[in-house]
N, C-alpha and C. Protein backbone atom coordinates (compact mmCIF):
# COMPACT_ATOMS: atom_id res chain seq x y z
N MET A 1 43.43 -25.88 -21.86
CA MET A 1 42.95 -24.60 -21.44
C MET A 1 43.00 -24.53 -19.91
N LYS A 2 43.60 -23.48 -19.41
CA LYS A 2 43.74 -23.31 -17.97
C LYS A 2 42.61 -22.43 -17.46
N ILE A 3 41.99 -22.86 -16.39
CA ILE A 3 40.89 -22.10 -15.78
C ILE A 3 41.50 -21.01 -14.90
N PRO A 4 41.06 -19.78 -15.10
CA PRO A 4 41.61 -18.71 -14.26
C PRO A 4 41.19 -18.90 -12.81
N PHE A 5 42.06 -18.57 -11.91
CA PHE A 5 41.85 -18.66 -10.45
C PHE A 5 41.60 -20.09 -9.98
N SER A 6 42.05 -21.08 -10.72
CA SER A 6 41.81 -22.47 -10.30
C SER A 6 42.53 -22.79 -9.01
N SER A 7 43.73 -22.27 -8.82
CA SER A 7 44.45 -22.53 -7.58
C SER A 7 43.71 -21.92 -6.39
N PHE A 8 43.09 -20.77 -6.58
CA PHE A 8 42.32 -20.13 -5.51
C PHE A 8 41.14 -21.01 -5.10
N PHE A 9 40.43 -21.54 -6.09
CA PHE A 9 39.28 -22.39 -5.79
C PHE A 9 39.70 -23.69 -5.12
N ILE A 10 40.84 -24.21 -5.50
CA ILE A 10 41.33 -25.43 -4.85
C ILE A 10 41.66 -25.17 -3.40
N LYS A 11 42.30 -24.04 -3.09
CA LYS A 11 42.63 -23.70 -1.70
C LYS A 11 41.36 -23.47 -0.88
N VAL A 12 40.38 -22.81 -1.46
CA VAL A 12 39.13 -22.56 -0.75
C VAL A 12 38.41 -23.87 -0.49
N LYS A 13 38.45 -24.79 -1.45
CA LYS A 13 37.79 -26.07 -1.29
C LYS A 13 38.42 -26.87 -0.15
N ASP A 14 39.73 -26.76 0.02
CA ASP A 14 40.40 -27.49 1.08
C ASP A 14 40.00 -26.95 2.46
N ARG A 15 39.80 -25.65 2.56
CA ARG A 15 39.52 -25.04 3.87
C ARG A 15 38.03 -24.88 4.15
N PHE A 16 37.22 -24.85 3.13
CA PHE A 16 35.79 -24.59 3.29
C PHE A 16 35.01 -25.82 2.87
N SER A 17 34.04 -26.19 3.70
CA SER A 17 33.17 -27.29 3.32
C SER A 17 31.78 -27.02 3.91
N LEU A 18 30.81 -27.66 3.34
CA LEU A 18 29.44 -27.50 3.80
C LEU A 18 29.27 -28.06 5.21
N GLY A 19 29.98 -29.12 5.49
CA GLY A 19 29.91 -29.71 6.83
C GLY A 19 30.39 -28.74 7.91
N ASN A 20 31.50 -28.04 7.62
CA ASN A 20 32.01 -27.07 8.60
C ASN A 20 31.01 -25.92 8.79
N THR A 21 30.35 -25.51 7.71
CA THR A 21 29.36 -24.44 7.81
C THR A 21 28.18 -24.89 8.65
N LEU A 22 27.71 -26.13 8.46
CA LEU A 22 26.60 -26.63 9.26
C LEU A 22 26.97 -26.77 10.73
N VAL A 23 28.17 -27.20 11.00
CA VAL A 23 28.63 -27.30 12.40
C VAL A 23 28.65 -25.92 13.02
N LEU A 24 29.15 -24.94 12.27
CA LEU A 24 29.17 -23.56 12.77
C LEU A 24 27.75 -23.07 13.02
N TRP A 25 26.82 -23.35 12.13
CA TRP A 25 25.42 -22.92 12.31
C TRP A 25 24.80 -23.59 13.53
N TYR A 26 24.98 -24.92 13.67
CA TYR A 26 24.38 -25.63 14.81
C TYR A 26 24.97 -25.17 16.14
N ARG A 27 26.22 -24.80 16.13
CA ARG A 27 26.88 -24.38 17.37
C ARG A 27 26.47 -22.96 17.77
N TYR A 28 26.30 -22.07 16.79
CA TYR A 28 26.10 -20.66 17.09
C TYR A 28 24.81 -20.08 16.51
N TYR A 29 23.81 -20.91 16.22
CA TYR A 29 22.63 -20.38 15.52
C TYR A 29 21.86 -19.36 16.37
N LYS A 30 21.79 -19.54 17.68
CA LYS A 30 21.08 -18.57 18.51
C LYS A 30 21.75 -17.20 18.45
N MET A 31 23.06 -17.20 18.54
CA MET A 31 23.78 -15.94 18.51
C MET A 31 23.69 -15.30 17.11
N LEU A 32 23.75 -16.11 16.06
CA LEU A 32 23.65 -15.57 14.70
C LEU A 32 22.27 -14.99 14.43
N VAL A 33 21.23 -15.65 14.91
CA VAL A 33 19.88 -15.12 14.75
C VAL A 33 19.73 -13.82 15.54
N PHE A 34 20.25 -13.79 16.76
CA PHE A 34 20.18 -12.57 17.56
C PHE A 34 20.94 -11.43 16.89
N ILE A 35 22.10 -11.69 16.34
CA ILE A 35 22.87 -10.64 15.64
C ILE A 35 22.09 -10.16 14.42
N GLY A 36 21.50 -11.08 13.66
CA GLY A 36 20.70 -10.68 12.51
C GLY A 36 19.50 -9.85 12.91
N PHE A 37 18.82 -10.26 13.99
CA PHE A 37 17.68 -9.51 14.50
C PHE A 37 18.12 -8.12 14.94
N PHE A 38 19.23 -8.04 15.64
CA PHE A 38 19.74 -6.76 16.11
C PHE A 38 20.12 -5.85 14.94
N LEU A 39 20.71 -6.41 13.89
CA LEU A 39 21.06 -5.61 12.72
C LEU A 39 19.80 -5.06 12.02
N VAL A 40 18.78 -5.91 11.87
CA VAL A 40 17.54 -5.45 11.23
C VAL A 40 16.85 -4.40 12.10
N LEU A 41 16.83 -4.60 13.41
CA LEU A 41 16.23 -3.64 14.32
C LEU A 41 16.99 -2.32 14.30
N SER A 42 18.31 -2.39 14.26
CA SER A 42 19.13 -1.17 14.21
C SER A 42 18.88 -0.41 12.91
N PHE A 43 18.83 -1.12 11.80
CA PHE A 43 18.58 -0.46 10.53
C PHE A 43 17.19 0.18 10.51
N GLY A 44 16.19 -0.52 11.04
CA GLY A 44 14.84 0.04 11.11
C GLY A 44 14.78 1.27 12.00
N GLY A 45 15.47 1.23 13.14
CA GLY A 45 15.51 2.39 14.03
C GLY A 45 16.20 3.57 13.38
N TRP A 46 17.30 3.31 12.71
CA TRP A 46 18.02 4.40 12.03
C TRP A 46 17.15 4.98 10.92
N ASN A 47 16.49 4.14 10.15
CA ASN A 47 15.64 4.61 9.07
C ASN A 47 14.48 5.45 9.61
N TYR A 48 13.87 5.01 10.71
CA TYR A 48 12.79 5.77 11.34
C TYR A 48 13.30 7.12 11.83
N TYR A 49 14.42 7.13 12.52
CA TYR A 49 14.98 8.39 13.01
C TYR A 49 15.30 9.33 11.86
N TYR A 50 15.89 8.80 10.81
CA TYR A 50 16.27 9.64 9.67
C TYR A 50 15.04 10.22 8.99
N SER A 51 13.99 9.40 8.84
CA SER A 51 12.81 9.90 8.13
C SER A 51 12.01 10.87 8.98
N VAL A 52 12.05 10.76 10.31
CA VAL A 52 11.26 11.65 11.16
C VAL A 52 12.02 12.92 11.51
N TYR A 53 13.27 12.81 11.88
CA TYR A 53 13.99 13.96 12.42
C TYR A 53 15.00 14.60 11.47
N ARG A 54 15.40 13.91 10.44
CA ARG A 54 16.47 14.44 9.59
C ARG A 54 16.02 14.80 8.18
N TYR A 55 14.71 14.99 7.97
CA TYR A 55 14.27 15.35 6.63
C TYR A 55 14.66 16.79 6.35
N ARG A 56 14.97 17.05 5.13
CA ARG A 56 15.35 18.39 4.73
C ARG A 56 14.66 18.71 3.40
N PHE A 57 13.98 19.84 3.37
CA PHE A 57 13.38 20.34 2.15
C PHE A 57 14.11 21.61 1.76
N SER A 58 14.50 21.69 0.52
CA SER A 58 15.03 22.96 0.04
C SER A 58 13.83 23.88 -0.23
N ASP A 59 14.12 25.13 -0.48
CA ASP A 59 13.02 26.07 -0.73
C ASP A 59 12.22 25.69 -1.97
N GLU A 60 12.92 25.22 -3.00
CA GLU A 60 12.23 24.82 -4.22
C GLU A 60 11.35 23.59 -3.99
N GLU A 61 11.87 22.59 -3.27
CA GLU A 61 11.09 21.40 -2.98
C GLU A 61 9.88 21.73 -2.11
N ARG A 62 10.07 22.62 -1.15
CA ARG A 62 8.97 23.04 -0.29
C ARG A 62 7.87 23.72 -1.12
N LYS A 63 8.28 24.58 -2.06
CA LYS A 63 7.31 25.27 -2.92
C LYS A 63 6.56 24.27 -3.80
N GLN A 64 7.28 23.29 -4.37
CA GLN A 64 6.63 22.27 -5.19
C GLN A 64 5.62 21.47 -4.38
N TYR A 65 5.98 21.13 -3.14
CA TYR A 65 5.08 20.37 -2.28
C TYR A 65 3.82 21.18 -1.98
N VAL A 66 3.97 22.45 -1.64
CA VAL A 66 2.81 23.29 -1.32
C VAL A 66 1.92 23.44 -2.55
N ASP A 67 2.52 23.65 -3.73
CA ASP A 67 1.73 23.79 -4.96
C ASP A 67 0.97 22.51 -5.27
N SER A 68 1.62 21.36 -5.16
CA SER A 68 0.94 20.10 -5.46
C SER A 68 -0.17 19.83 -4.44
N TYR A 69 0.07 20.15 -3.18
CA TYR A 69 -0.95 19.94 -2.15
C TYR A 69 -2.15 20.84 -2.42
N PHE A 70 -1.91 22.09 -2.82
CA PHE A 70 -2.99 23.01 -3.12
C PHE A 70 -3.80 22.53 -4.32
N LYS A 71 -3.11 22.04 -5.35
CA LYS A 71 -3.81 21.53 -6.53
C LYS A 71 -4.67 20.33 -6.18
N GLU A 72 -4.14 19.40 -5.39
CA GLU A 72 -4.90 18.22 -5.00
C GLU A 72 -6.11 18.60 -4.16
N THR A 73 -5.93 19.54 -3.26
CA THR A 73 -7.04 19.96 -2.41
C THR A 73 -8.12 20.66 -3.22
N THR A 74 -7.73 21.50 -4.14
CA THR A 74 -8.69 22.19 -4.99
C THR A 74 -9.44 21.19 -5.86
N PHE A 75 -8.73 20.23 -6.42
CA PHE A 75 -9.37 19.21 -7.24
C PHE A 75 -10.36 18.40 -6.42
N LYS A 76 -10.00 18.03 -5.22
CA LYS A 76 -10.89 17.25 -4.39
C LYS A 76 -12.13 18.06 -4.00
N GLU A 77 -11.96 19.35 -3.78
CA GLU A 77 -13.10 20.19 -3.43
C GLU A 77 -14.07 20.29 -4.60
N ALA A 78 -13.55 20.42 -5.80
CA ALA A 78 -14.40 20.49 -6.99
C ALA A 78 -15.16 19.18 -7.17
N ARG A 79 -14.50 18.07 -7.01
CA ARG A 79 -15.14 16.76 -7.14
C ARG A 79 -16.21 16.59 -6.06
N PHE A 80 -15.92 17.05 -4.85
CA PHE A 80 -16.88 16.97 -3.76
C PHE A 80 -18.14 17.77 -4.10
N ASN A 81 -17.97 18.96 -4.64
CA ASN A 81 -19.13 19.78 -5.01
C ASN A 81 -19.96 19.12 -6.10
N GLU A 82 -19.32 18.45 -7.05
CA GLU A 82 -20.05 17.72 -8.08
C GLU A 82 -20.88 16.59 -7.48
N VAL A 83 -20.31 15.86 -6.57
CA VAL A 83 -21.02 14.74 -5.95
C VAL A 83 -22.20 15.26 -5.13
N VAL A 84 -21.99 16.34 -4.39
CA VAL A 84 -23.08 16.91 -3.59
C VAL A 84 -24.22 17.37 -4.50
N ASP A 85 -23.91 18.01 -5.62
CA ASP A 85 -24.95 18.45 -6.55
C ASP A 85 -25.72 17.26 -7.12
N SER A 86 -25.01 16.20 -7.47
CA SER A 86 -25.71 15.02 -8.01
C SER A 86 -26.59 14.38 -6.94
N LEU A 87 -26.15 14.36 -5.69
CA LEU A 87 -26.97 13.80 -4.61
C LEU A 87 -28.21 14.66 -4.36
N ARG A 88 -28.06 15.96 -4.46
CA ARG A 88 -29.22 16.84 -4.29
C ARG A 88 -30.23 16.61 -5.41
N ALA A 89 -29.74 16.42 -6.64
CA ALA A 89 -30.64 16.16 -7.76
C ALA A 89 -31.38 14.84 -7.56
N ARG A 90 -30.70 13.83 -7.07
CA ARG A 90 -31.35 12.55 -6.78
C ARG A 90 -32.39 12.70 -5.69
N ALA A 91 -32.04 13.47 -4.65
CA ALA A 91 -32.99 13.65 -3.56
C ALA A 91 -34.25 14.36 -4.06
N ARG A 92 -34.10 15.36 -4.91
CA ARG A 92 -35.26 16.04 -5.47
C ARG A 92 -36.10 15.08 -6.30
N MET A 93 -35.43 14.19 -7.04
CA MET A 93 -36.14 13.24 -7.88
C MET A 93 -36.94 12.26 -7.01
N HIS A 94 -36.40 11.86 -5.87
CA HIS A 94 -37.08 10.90 -5.01
C HIS A 94 -38.13 11.55 -4.13
N GLU A 95 -38.08 12.85 -3.96
CA GLU A 95 -39.09 13.53 -3.16
C GLU A 95 -40.43 13.58 -3.88
N GLU A 96 -40.41 13.61 -5.19
CA GLU A 96 -41.65 13.63 -5.96
C GLU A 96 -42.26 12.24 -5.93
N THR A 97 -43.47 12.14 -5.39
CA THR A 97 -44.13 10.83 -5.31
C THR A 97 -44.84 10.55 -6.62
N PRO A 98 -44.71 9.36 -7.11
CA PRO A 98 -45.40 9.04 -8.37
C PRO A 98 -46.91 8.91 -8.15
N ASP A 99 -47.68 9.27 -9.13
CA ASP A 99 -49.14 9.19 -9.07
C ASP A 99 -49.57 7.87 -9.72
N ILE A 100 -50.19 7.00 -8.94
CA ILE A 100 -50.61 5.71 -9.44
C ILE A 100 -52.00 5.88 -10.06
N LYS A 101 -52.12 5.51 -11.31
CA LYS A 101 -53.38 5.71 -12.03
C LYS A 101 -54.33 4.52 -11.88
N ARG A 102 -53.82 3.37 -11.57
CA ARG A 102 -54.66 2.18 -11.50
C ARG A 102 -54.53 1.59 -10.11
N ASN A 103 -55.66 1.22 -9.53
CA ASN A 103 -55.67 0.60 -8.22
C ASN A 103 -55.51 -0.91 -8.40
N ILE A 104 -54.35 -1.42 -8.07
CA ILE A 104 -54.12 -2.86 -8.29
C ILE A 104 -54.73 -3.70 -7.19
N PHE A 105 -55.07 -3.08 -6.03
CA PHE A 105 -55.64 -3.85 -4.94
C PHE A 105 -57.17 -3.90 -5.01
N GLY A 106 -57.75 -2.97 -5.73
CA GLY A 106 -59.22 -2.94 -5.82
C GLY A 106 -59.76 -3.85 -6.90
N GLY A 107 -58.97 -4.25 -7.82
CA GLY A 107 -59.42 -5.15 -8.88
C GLY A 107 -60.08 -4.43 -10.04
N ASP A 108 -59.92 -3.14 -10.12
CA ASP A 108 -60.54 -2.41 -11.23
C ASP A 108 -59.83 -2.77 -12.53
N GLY A 109 -60.58 -3.03 -13.55
CA GLY A 109 -60.04 -3.30 -14.86
C GLY A 109 -59.54 -4.71 -15.03
N THR A 110 -59.94 -5.63 -14.16
CA THR A 110 -59.52 -7.03 -14.31
C THR A 110 -60.75 -7.85 -14.70
N SER A 111 -60.51 -8.94 -15.35
CA SER A 111 -61.63 -9.82 -15.73
C SER A 111 -61.43 -11.17 -15.04
N PRO A 112 -62.55 -11.83 -14.65
CA PRO A 112 -62.39 -13.13 -13.97
C PRO A 112 -61.91 -14.21 -14.94
N LYS A 113 -61.24 -15.20 -14.38
CA LYS A 113 -60.77 -16.34 -15.19
C LYS A 113 -61.91 -17.27 -15.50
N ASN A 114 -61.91 -17.86 -16.64
CA ASN A 114 -62.95 -18.83 -17.03
C ASN A 114 -62.52 -20.24 -16.78
């Protein structure tokens, strides 16, 4: 059985080796790291520019965004009103002072130990 592209792999093996790659890395690693850093920085800058200055909304997308924003704001306002009402109910409950029927500091209704 003949392996497809076997001659290609044999030619690549003759010209390519791990040792040559390591020599290339040790010789040019500063420049390779700088090029990689510059590529990542360039991509980040382009992505930032595109997201800030080149966004485009069609009329339909703009309408969907406004509708969803309005729904979220209305929902949050309703939830806020519920929380405020519950806090007011708690405050009313805590404003009423309980009436203590027994004086625990005076010793009324206690019997001495034998």
